Amino acid sequence: MKKTKTLTIKWQRLLDDGQTCPRCGSTEEAVDKAAKVLRQSLTPLGVDVILEKAELSVEQFAQDTLQSNTIWINGQLLEKWLGAQTGQSQCCEVCGPNDCRTMDVGGDVFEVIPVGLIVKAGLLAATQLLDKETCNCDPAESQTKNGCCPE
């Protein structure tokens, strides 16, 4: 029986009395849709997709506002998977006078993270998971199998 691989998406945002900013609210919808697309695409390949949602308190947000609206896929920031940069811009009344997280992908700046970028990063992470499986590497052997294992 084939071992199941796991792709974990973790999304974190500020919650103040159960309220979040419109930017994070829209990103939450995108994360939900992306997780659904990834499940449909990856389940037949033996990859489980798990979506975790974390809350930042007002106090945590005040210490580092750029921790809100972050997405990690298998422990790496979304920006790393996409070769993107983290930025910041003024947000709204929920966030107060603080700048909130943005993402710059090739000169396009996103306040709300689109479904397509989350799916793309998820597929990149899944490819990495599947590559490890198909290589069939045995660290006890000095030669590689299938030409894809590190020497």
N, C-alpha and C. Protein backbone atom coordinates (compact mmCIF):
# COMPACT_ATOMS: atom_id res chain seq x y z
N MET A 1 0.83 -1.18 0.00
CA MET A 1 0.00 0.00 0.00
C MET A 1 0.88 1.25 0.00
N LYS A 2 0.49 2.22 -0.80
CA LYS A 2 1.26 3.44 -0.92
C LYS A 2 1.10 4.33 0.31
N LYS A 3 2.19 4.94 0.74
CA LYS A 3 2.12 5.87 1.85
C LYS A 3 1.46 7.16 1.38
N THR A 4 0.62 7.72 2.23
CA THR A 4 -0.03 8.98 1.91
C THR A 4 0.91 10.13 2.28
N LYS A 5 1.00 11.09 1.39
CA LYS A 5 1.78 12.30 1.64
C LYS A 5 0.82 13.37 2.13
N THR A 6 1.34 14.35 2.87
CA THR A 6 0.50 15.43 3.39
C THR A 6 1.03 16.77 2.94
N LEU A 7 0.13 17.58 2.41
CA LEU A 7 0.41 18.96 2.05
C LEU A 7 -0.36 19.82 3.05
N THR A 8 0.35 20.59 3.86
CA THR A 8 -0.29 21.40 4.89
C THR A 8 -0.23 22.87 4.49
N ILE A 9 -1.40 23.49 4.49
CA ILE A 9 -1.52 24.93 4.26
C ILE A 9 -1.92 25.55 5.59
N LYS A 10 -1.12 26.49 6.05
CA LYS A 10 -1.45 27.20 7.29
C LYS A 10 -1.62 28.67 6.97
N TRP A 11 -2.75 29.21 7.37
CA TRP A 11 -3.05 30.63 7.15
C TRP A 11 -3.29 31.28 8.50
N GLN A 12 -2.72 32.46 8.69
CA GLN A 12 -2.80 33.17 9.97
C GLN A 12 -3.25 34.60 9.75
N ARG A 13 -4.15 35.07 10.63
CA ARG A 13 -4.63 36.45 10.52
C ARG A 13 -5.02 37.00 11.88
N LEU A 14 -5.15 38.33 11.91
CA LEU A 14 -5.60 39.05 13.11
C LEU A 14 -7.09 38.83 13.30
N LEU A 15 -7.47 38.52 14.53
CA LEU A 15 -8.88 38.51 14.91
C LEU A 15 -9.03 39.39 16.13
N ASP A 16 -9.92 40.38 16.02
CA ASP A 16 -10.21 41.31 17.11
C ASP A 16 -11.70 41.23 17.37
N ASP A 17 -12.07 40.63 18.50
CA ASP A 17 -13.49 40.41 18.81
C ASP A 17 -14.21 39.67 17.69
N GLY A 18 -13.55 38.68 17.13
CA GLY A 18 -14.13 37.90 16.06
C GLY A 18 -14.11 38.58 14.70
N GLN A 19 -13.56 39.78 14.62
CA GLN A 19 -13.52 40.54 13.38
C GLN A 19 -12.11 40.53 12.79
N THR A 20 -12.05 40.48 11.47
CA THR A 20 -10.79 40.62 10.77
C THR A 20 -10.99 41.67 9.69
N CYS A 21 -9.91 42.09 9.10
CA CYS A 21 -10.02 43.14 8.07
C CYS A 21 -10.53 42.55 6.76
N PRO A 22 -11.04 43.39 5.86
CA PRO A 22 -11.52 42.89 4.57
C PRO A 22 -10.43 42.16 3.78
N ARG A 23 -9.20 42.62 3.89
CA ARG A 23 -8.07 41.99 3.19
C ARG A 23 -7.92 40.54 3.64
N CYS A 24 -7.91 40.32 4.94
CA CYS A 24 -7.78 38.95 5.46
C CYS A 24 -9.04 38.14 5.19
N GLY A 25 -10.20 38.77 5.29
CA GLY A 25 -11.44 38.06 5.01
C GLY A 25 -11.48 37.52 3.59
N SER A 26 -11.04 38.33 2.63
CA SER A 26 -11.02 37.89 1.23
C SER A 26 -9.94 36.84 1.00
N THR A 27 -8.81 36.98 1.70
CA THR A 27 -7.77 35.96 1.57
C THR A 27 -8.26 34.63 2.15
N GLU A 28 -9.05 34.69 3.22
CA GLU A 28 -9.60 33.45 3.78
C GLU A 28 -10.45 32.72 2.75
N GLU A 29 -11.28 33.45 2.02
CA GLU A 29 -12.09 32.83 0.97
C GLU A 29 -11.19 32.19 -0.09
N ALA A 30 -10.11 32.89 -0.46
CA ALA A 30 -9.17 32.36 -1.46
C ALA A 30 -8.47 31.11 -0.96
N VAL A 31 -8.06 31.10 0.30
CA VAL A 31 -7.38 29.94 0.88
C VAL A 31 -8.33 28.73 0.90
N ASP A 32 -9.59 28.97 1.27
CA ASP A 32 -10.57 27.88 1.28
C ASP A 32 -10.75 27.30 -0.12
N LYS A 33 -10.90 28.16 -1.12
CA LYS A 33 -11.08 27.70 -2.51
C LYS A 33 -9.83 26.97 -3.00
N ALA A 34 -8.66 27.51 -2.69
CA ALA A 34 -7.41 26.89 -3.13
C ALA A 34 -7.25 25.50 -2.50
N ALA A 35 -7.57 25.38 -1.22
CA ALA A 35 -7.46 24.07 -0.56
C ALA A 35 -8.40 23.07 -1.23
N LYS A 36 -9.59 23.50 -1.61
CA LYS A 36 -10.54 22.61 -2.29
C LYS A 36 -9.99 22.16 -3.65
N VAL A 37 -9.46 23.10 -4.43
CA VAL A 37 -8.87 22.77 -5.74
C VAL A 37 -7.71 21.79 -5.57
N LEU A 38 -6.85 22.08 -4.60
CA LEU A 38 -5.69 21.22 -4.38
C LEU A 38 -6.12 19.82 -3.93
N ARG A 39 -7.13 19.73 -3.08
CA ARG A 39 -7.63 18.41 -2.67
C ARG A 39 -8.12 17.62 -3.88
N GLN A 40 -8.90 18.28 -4.73
CA GLN A 40 -9.44 17.60 -5.91
C GLN A 40 -8.31 17.13 -6.84
N SER A 41 -7.27 17.93 -6.94
CA SER A 41 -6.18 17.60 -7.85
C SER A 41 -5.21 16.58 -7.27
N LEU A 42 -4.96 16.65 -5.97
CA LEU A 42 -3.88 15.86 -5.38
C LEU A 42 -4.33 14.56 -4.70
N THR A 43 -5.57 14.46 -4.31
CA THR A 43 -6.04 13.23 -3.66
C THR A 43 -5.81 12.00 -4.54
N PRO A 44 -6.10 12.06 -5.85
CA PRO A 44 -5.83 10.88 -6.68
C PRO A 44 -4.34 10.50 -6.74
N LEU A 45 -3.47 11.44 -6.40
CA LEU A 45 -2.03 11.17 -6.40
C LEU A 45 -1.52 10.70 -5.03
N GLY A 46 -2.44 10.54 -4.08
CA GLY A 46 -2.06 10.08 -2.75
C GLY A 46 -1.55 11.18 -1.84
N VAL A 47 -1.99 12.42 -2.11
CA VAL A 47 -1.58 13.56 -1.27
C VAL A 47 -2.81 14.12 -0.56
N ASP A 48 -2.77 14.10 0.77
CA ASP A 48 -3.82 14.72 1.57
C ASP A 48 -3.51 16.20 1.74
N VAL A 49 -4.52 17.04 1.63
CA VAL A 49 -4.35 18.48 1.81
C VAL A 49 -5.05 18.87 3.11
N ILE A 50 -4.28 19.46 4.00
CA ILE A 50 -4.81 19.88 5.29
C ILE A 50 -4.71 21.40 5.37
N LEU A 51 -5.81 22.05 5.73
CA LEU A 51 -5.84 23.50 5.90
C LEU A 51 -5.98 23.82 7.39
N GLU A 52 -5.03 24.58 7.89
CA GLU A 52 -5.06 25.03 9.28
C GLU A 52 -5.21 26.54 9.29
N LYS A 53 -6.05 27.04 10.19
CA LYS A 53 -6.24 28.48 10.33
C LYS A 53 -5.84 28.88 11.75
N ALA A 54 -4.99 29.90 11.83
CA ALA A 54 -4.50 30.36 13.13
C ALA A 54 -4.90 31.82 13.33
N GLU A 55 -5.08 32.17 14.59
CA GLU A 55 -5.48 33.53 14.94
C GLU A 55 -4.33 34.27 15.60
N LEU A 56 -4.22 35.54 15.27
CA LEU A 56 -3.31 36.44 15.98
C LEU A 56 -4.16 37.32 16.89
N SER A 57 -3.75 37.47 18.12
CA SER A 57 -4.45 38.39 19.02
C SER A 57 -4.04 39.82 18.69
N VAL A 58 -4.76 40.78 19.20
CA VAL A 58 -4.42 42.19 19.00
C VAL A 58 -3.01 42.46 19.52
N GLU A 59 -2.66 41.85 20.65
CA GLU A 59 -1.34 42.04 21.23
C GLU A 59 -0.24 41.47 20.33
N GLN A 60 -0.46 40.28 19.79
CA GLN A 60 0.52 39.68 18.88
C GLN A 60 0.65 40.50 17.60
N PHE A 61 -0.46 40.98 17.10
CA PHE A 61 -0.47 41.81 15.89
C PHE A 61 0.32 43.09 16.11
N ALA A 62 0.15 43.70 17.28
CA ALA A 62 0.85 44.95 17.59
C ALA A 62 2.36 44.75 17.62
N GLN A 63 2.82 43.56 18.00
CA GLN A 63 4.25 43.28 18.04
C GLN A 63 4.85 43.11 16.66
N ASP A 64 4.07 42.55 15.71
CA ASP A 64 4.57 42.33 14.35
C ASP A 64 3.38 42.23 13.40
N THR A 65 2.98 43.35 12.83
CA THR A 65 1.79 43.39 11.98
C THR A 65 1.93 42.52 10.73
N LEU A 66 3.15 42.28 10.28
CA LEU A 66 3.34 41.51 9.05
C LEU A 66 3.15 40.01 9.27
N GLN A 67 2.84 39.60 10.50
CA GLN A 67 2.52 38.18 10.75
C GLN A 67 1.07 37.87 10.40
N SER A 68 0.27 38.92 10.19
CA SER A 68 -1.11 38.70 9.81
C SER A 68 -1.20 38.48 8.30
N ASN A 69 -2.14 37.63 7.90
CA ASN A 69 -2.38 37.28 6.51
C ASN A 69 -1.18 36.55 5.88
N THR A 70 -0.54 35.72 6.70
CA THR A 70 0.57 34.90 6.19
C THR A 70 0.05 33.51 5.83
N ILE A 71 0.66 32.95 4.79
CA ILE A 71 0.31 31.60 4.35
C ILE A 71 1.61 30.80 4.26
N TRP A 72 1.61 29.65 4.92
CA TRP A 72 2.73 28.71 4.83
C TRP A 72 2.23 27.45 4.15
N ILE A 73 3.04 26.91 3.28
CA ILE A 73 2.73 25.63 2.65
C ILE A 73 3.89 24.70 2.96
N ASN A 74 3.56 23.63 3.66
CA ASN A 74 4.56 22.67 4.16
C ASN A 74 5.71 23.39 4.86
N GLY A 75 5.35 24.36 5.68
CA GLY A 75 6.33 25.03 6.53
C GLY A 75 7.11 26.16 5.89
N GLN A 76 6.87 26.45 4.62
CA GLN A 76 7.57 27.55 3.95
C GLN A 76 6.56 28.63 3.57
N LEU A 77 6.98 29.87 3.72
CA LEU A 77 6.10 30.97 3.35
C LEU A 77 5.73 30.90 1.88
N LEU A 78 4.53 31.32 1.58
CA LEU A 78 4.04 31.36 0.21
C LEU A 78 5.00 32.12 -0.69
N GLU A 79 5.55 33.23 -0.18
CA GLU A 79 6.48 34.04 -0.96
C GLU A 79 7.69 33.23 -1.43
N LYS A 80 8.16 32.33 -0.59
CA LYS A 80 9.32 31.52 -0.96
C LYS A 80 8.98 30.60 -2.13
N TRP A 81 7.83 29.96 -2.08
CA TRP A 81 7.42 29.07 -3.17
C TRP A 81 7.29 29.81 -4.49
N LEU A 82 6.88 31.08 -4.42
CA LEU A 82 6.59 31.85 -5.64
C LEU A 82 7.71 32.79 -6.06
N GLY A 83 8.79 32.85 -5.28
CA GLY A 83 9.85 33.80 -5.58
C GLY A 83 9.36 35.24 -5.43
N ALA A 84 8.48 35.45 -4.48
CA ALA A 84 7.85 36.76 -4.26
C ALA A 84 8.50 37.49 -3.09
N GLN A 85 8.13 38.75 -2.94
CA GLN A 85 8.62 39.58 -1.84
C GLN A 85 7.46 39.99 -0.95
N THR A 86 7.72 40.09 0.34
CA THR A 86 6.74 40.60 1.28
C THR A 86 6.81 42.11 1.28
N GLY A 87 5.66 42.75 1.28
CA GLY A 87 5.58 44.20 1.37
C GLY A 87 4.58 44.59 2.44
N GLN A 88 4.19 45.85 2.42
CA GLN A 88 3.21 46.33 3.38
C GLN A 88 2.52 47.59 2.85
N SER A 89 1.28 47.77 3.30
CA SER A 89 0.53 48.97 2.94
C SER A 89 -0.52 49.23 4.01
N GLN A 90 -1.01 50.46 4.04
CA GLN A 90 -2.06 50.85 4.98
C GLN A 90 -3.28 49.96 4.78
N CYS A 91 -3.92 49.59 5.88
CA CYS A 91 -5.05 48.67 5.77
C CYS A 91 -6.36 49.35 6.11
N CYS A 92 -6.95 49.09 7.28
CA CYS A 92 -8.30 49.56 7.58
C CYS A 92 -8.47 49.81 9.07
N GLU A 93 -9.70 50.08 9.47
CA GLU A 93 -9.98 50.40 10.87
C GLU A 93 -9.75 49.22 11.81
N VAL A 94 -9.97 47.98 11.35
CA VAL A 94 -9.73 46.82 12.21
C VAL A 94 -8.25 46.76 12.59
N CYS A 95 -7.39 47.07 11.63
CA CYS A 95 -5.94 47.00 11.84
C CYS A 95 -5.38 48.29 12.44
N GLY A 96 -6.19 49.32 12.52
CA GLY A 96 -5.73 50.59 13.08
C GLY A 96 -4.78 51.29 12.13
N PRO A 97 -3.87 52.07 12.69
CA PRO A 97 -2.96 52.84 11.84
C PRO A 97 -1.78 52.02 11.30
N ASN A 98 -1.85 50.71 11.47
CA ASN A 98 -0.74 49.84 11.09
C ASN A 98 -0.75 49.49 9.60
N ASP A 99 0.43 49.28 9.07
CA ASP A 99 0.55 48.73 7.73
C ASP A 99 0.39 47.22 7.83
N CYS A 100 -0.24 46.64 6.83
CA CYS A 100 -0.45 45.20 6.80
C CYS A 100 0.29 44.58 5.63
N ARG A 101 0.39 43.28 5.67
CA ARG A 101 1.16 42.48 4.72
C ARG A 101 0.60 42.58 3.30
N THR A 102 1.51 42.70 2.35
CA THR A 102 1.19 42.56 0.93
C THR A 102 2.21 41.58 0.35
N MET A 103 1.98 41.18 -0.89
CA MET A 103 2.93 40.29 -1.57
C MET A 103 3.17 40.82 -2.97
N ASP A 104 4.44 40.92 -3.34
CA ASP A 104 4.85 41.40 -4.66
C ASP A 104 5.37 40.21 -5.46
N VAL A 105 4.66 39.90 -6.54
CA VAL A 105 5.06 38.81 -7.43
C VAL A 105 5.37 39.42 -8.78
N GLY A 106 6.66 39.54 -9.09
CA GLY A 106 7.07 40.07 -10.38
C GLY A 106 6.57 41.47 -10.67
N GLY A 107 6.46 42.29 -9.65
CA GLY A 107 6.00 43.67 -9.83
C GLY A 107 4.50 43.86 -9.62
N ASP A 108 3.75 42.77 -9.51
CA ASP A 108 2.33 42.86 -9.20
C ASP A 108 2.17 42.74 -7.69
N VAL A 109 1.53 43.75 -7.07
CA VAL A 109 1.37 43.77 -5.61
C VAL A 109 -0.05 43.33 -5.27
N PHE A 110 -0.14 42.37 -4.35
CA PHE A 110 -1.43 41.83 -3.92
C PHE A 110 -1.64 42.10 -2.44
N GLU A 111 -2.77 42.73 -2.10
CA GLU A 111 -3.19 42.86 -0.70
C GLU A 111 -3.98 41.62 -0.30
N VAL A 112 -4.82 41.14 -1.21
CA VAL A 112 -5.55 39.89 -1.05
C VAL A 112 -4.84 38.86 -1.92
N ILE A 113 -4.53 37.72 -1.35
CA ILE A 113 -3.79 36.70 -2.08
C ILE A 113 -4.77 35.91 -2.96
N PRO A 114 -4.54 35.90 -4.27
CA PRO A 114 -5.45 35.21 -5.18
C PRO A 114 -5.36 33.68 -5.07
N VAL A 115 -6.49 33.04 -5.38
CA VAL A 115 -6.58 31.58 -5.37
C VAL A 115 -5.48 30.97 -6.23
N GLY A 116 -5.28 31.51 -7.42
CA GLY A 116 -4.32 30.93 -8.36
C GLY A 116 -2.91 30.88 -7.83
N LEU A 117 -2.50 31.90 -7.08
CA LEU A 117 -1.14 31.90 -6.52
C LEU A 117 -0.99 30.86 -5.41
N ILE A 118 -2.05 30.69 -4.63
CA ILE A 118 -2.00 29.69 -3.56
C ILE A 118 -1.96 28.29 -4.17
N VAL A 119 -2.77 28.07 -5.21
CA VAL A 119 -2.77 26.77 -5.89
C VAL A 119 -1.41 26.50 -6.53
N LYS A 120 -0.85 27.51 -7.18
CA LYS A 120 0.46 27.33 -7.82
C LYS A 120 1.52 26.91 -6.78
N ALA A 121 1.55 27.61 -5.65
CA ALA A 121 2.52 27.27 -4.60
C ALA A 121 2.25 25.86 -4.05
N GLY A 122 0.98 25.51 -3.91
CA GLY A 122 0.63 24.18 -3.43
C GLY A 122 1.07 23.10 -4.39
N LEU A 123 0.93 23.36 -5.68
CA LEU A 123 1.38 22.37 -6.67
C LEU A 123 2.90 22.23 -6.68
N LEU A 124 3.59 23.35 -6.49
CA LEU A 124 5.06 23.28 -6.39
C LEU A 124 5.48 22.44 -5.19
N ALA A 125 4.81 22.66 -4.06
CA ALA A 125 5.13 21.88 -2.86
C ALA A 125 4.78 20.41 -3.05
N ALA A 126 3.66 20.14 -3.70
CA ALA A 126 3.25 18.75 -3.94
C ALA A 126 4.23 18.05 -4.88
N THR A 127 4.72 18.79 -5.86
CA THR A 127 5.72 18.21 -6.78
C THR A 127 6.95 17.77 -6.01
N GLN A 128 7.35 18.59 -5.06
CA GLN A 128 8.51 18.25 -4.23
C GLN A 128 8.22 16.98 -3.42
N LEU A 129 7.01 16.87 -2.86
CA LEU A 129 6.63 15.66 -2.11
C LEU A 129 6.66 14.43 -3.00
N LEU A 130 6.10 14.56 -4.18
CA LEU A 130 6.01 13.42 -5.09
C LEU A 130 7.37 13.04 -5.66
N ASP A 131 8.24 14.03 -5.88
CA ASP A 131 9.59 13.74 -6.36
C ASP A 131 10.33 12.86 -5.36
N LYS A 132 10.17 13.13 -4.09
CA LYS A 132 10.83 12.33 -3.06
C LYS A 132 10.35 10.88 -3.13
N GLU A 133 9.07 10.71 -3.41
CA GLU A 133 8.50 9.37 -3.47
C GLU A 133 8.99 8.60 -4.70
N THR A 134 9.03 9.26 -5.85
CA THR A 134 9.37 8.56 -7.08
C THR A 134 10.86 8.30 -7.23
N CYS A 135 11.67 9.00 -6.48
CA CYS A 135 13.11 8.78 -6.57
C CYS A 135 13.51 7.42 -6.01
N ASN A 136 12.80 6.96 -5.00
CA ASN A 136 13.09 5.67 -4.40
C ASN A 136 14.56 5.59 -3.96
N CYS A 137 15.01 6.60 -3.25
CA CYS A 137 16.40 6.67 -2.81
C CYS A 137 16.64 5.76 -1.61
N ASP A 138 17.78 5.16 -1.59
CA ASP A 138 18.20 4.36 -0.45
C ASP A 138 19.53 4.91 0.02
N PRO A 139 19.54 5.60 1.19
CA PRO A 139 20.77 6.22 1.66
C PRO A 139 21.91 5.23 1.90
N ALA A 140 21.59 3.93 2.05
CA ALA A 140 22.62 2.92 2.30
C ALA A 140 23.37 2.58 1.01
N GLU A 141 22.78 2.91 -0.13
CA GLU A 141 23.44 2.61 -1.40
C GLU A 141 24.20 3.83 -1.90
N SER A 142 25.33 3.58 -2.52
CA SER A 142 26.14 4.70 -2.99
C SER A 142 25.70 5.21 -4.36
N GLN A 143 24.97 4.41 -5.11
CA GLN A 143 24.52 4.84 -6.42
C GLN A 143 23.05 5.25 -6.37
N THR A 144 22.71 6.15 -7.28
CA THR A 144 21.33 6.64 -7.32
C THR A 144 20.47 5.73 -8.18
N LYS A 145 19.19 5.73 -7.90
CA LYS A 145 18.22 5.02 -8.71
C LYS A 145 17.39 6.05 -9.44
N ASN A 146 16.98 5.77 -10.64
CA ASN A 146 16.16 6.67 -11.44
C ASN A 146 16.84 7.98 -11.75
N GLY A 147 18.10 8.13 -11.42
CA GLY A 147 18.84 9.35 -11.76
C GLY A 147 18.39 10.60 -11.04
N CYS A 148 17.60 10.49 -9.98
CA CYS A 148 17.09 11.73 -9.36
C CYS A 148 17.48 11.90 -7.90
N CYS A 149 18.16 10.95 -7.33
CA CYS A 149 18.52 11.05 -5.92
C CYS A 149 19.83 11.81 -5.73
N PRO A 150 19.93 12.56 -4.64
CA PRO A 150 21.19 13.23 -4.37
C PRO A 150 22.30 12.24 -4.11
N GLU A 151 23.48 12.57 -4.54
CA GLU A 151 24.60 11.66 -4.32
C GLU A 151 25.36 12.02 -3.06
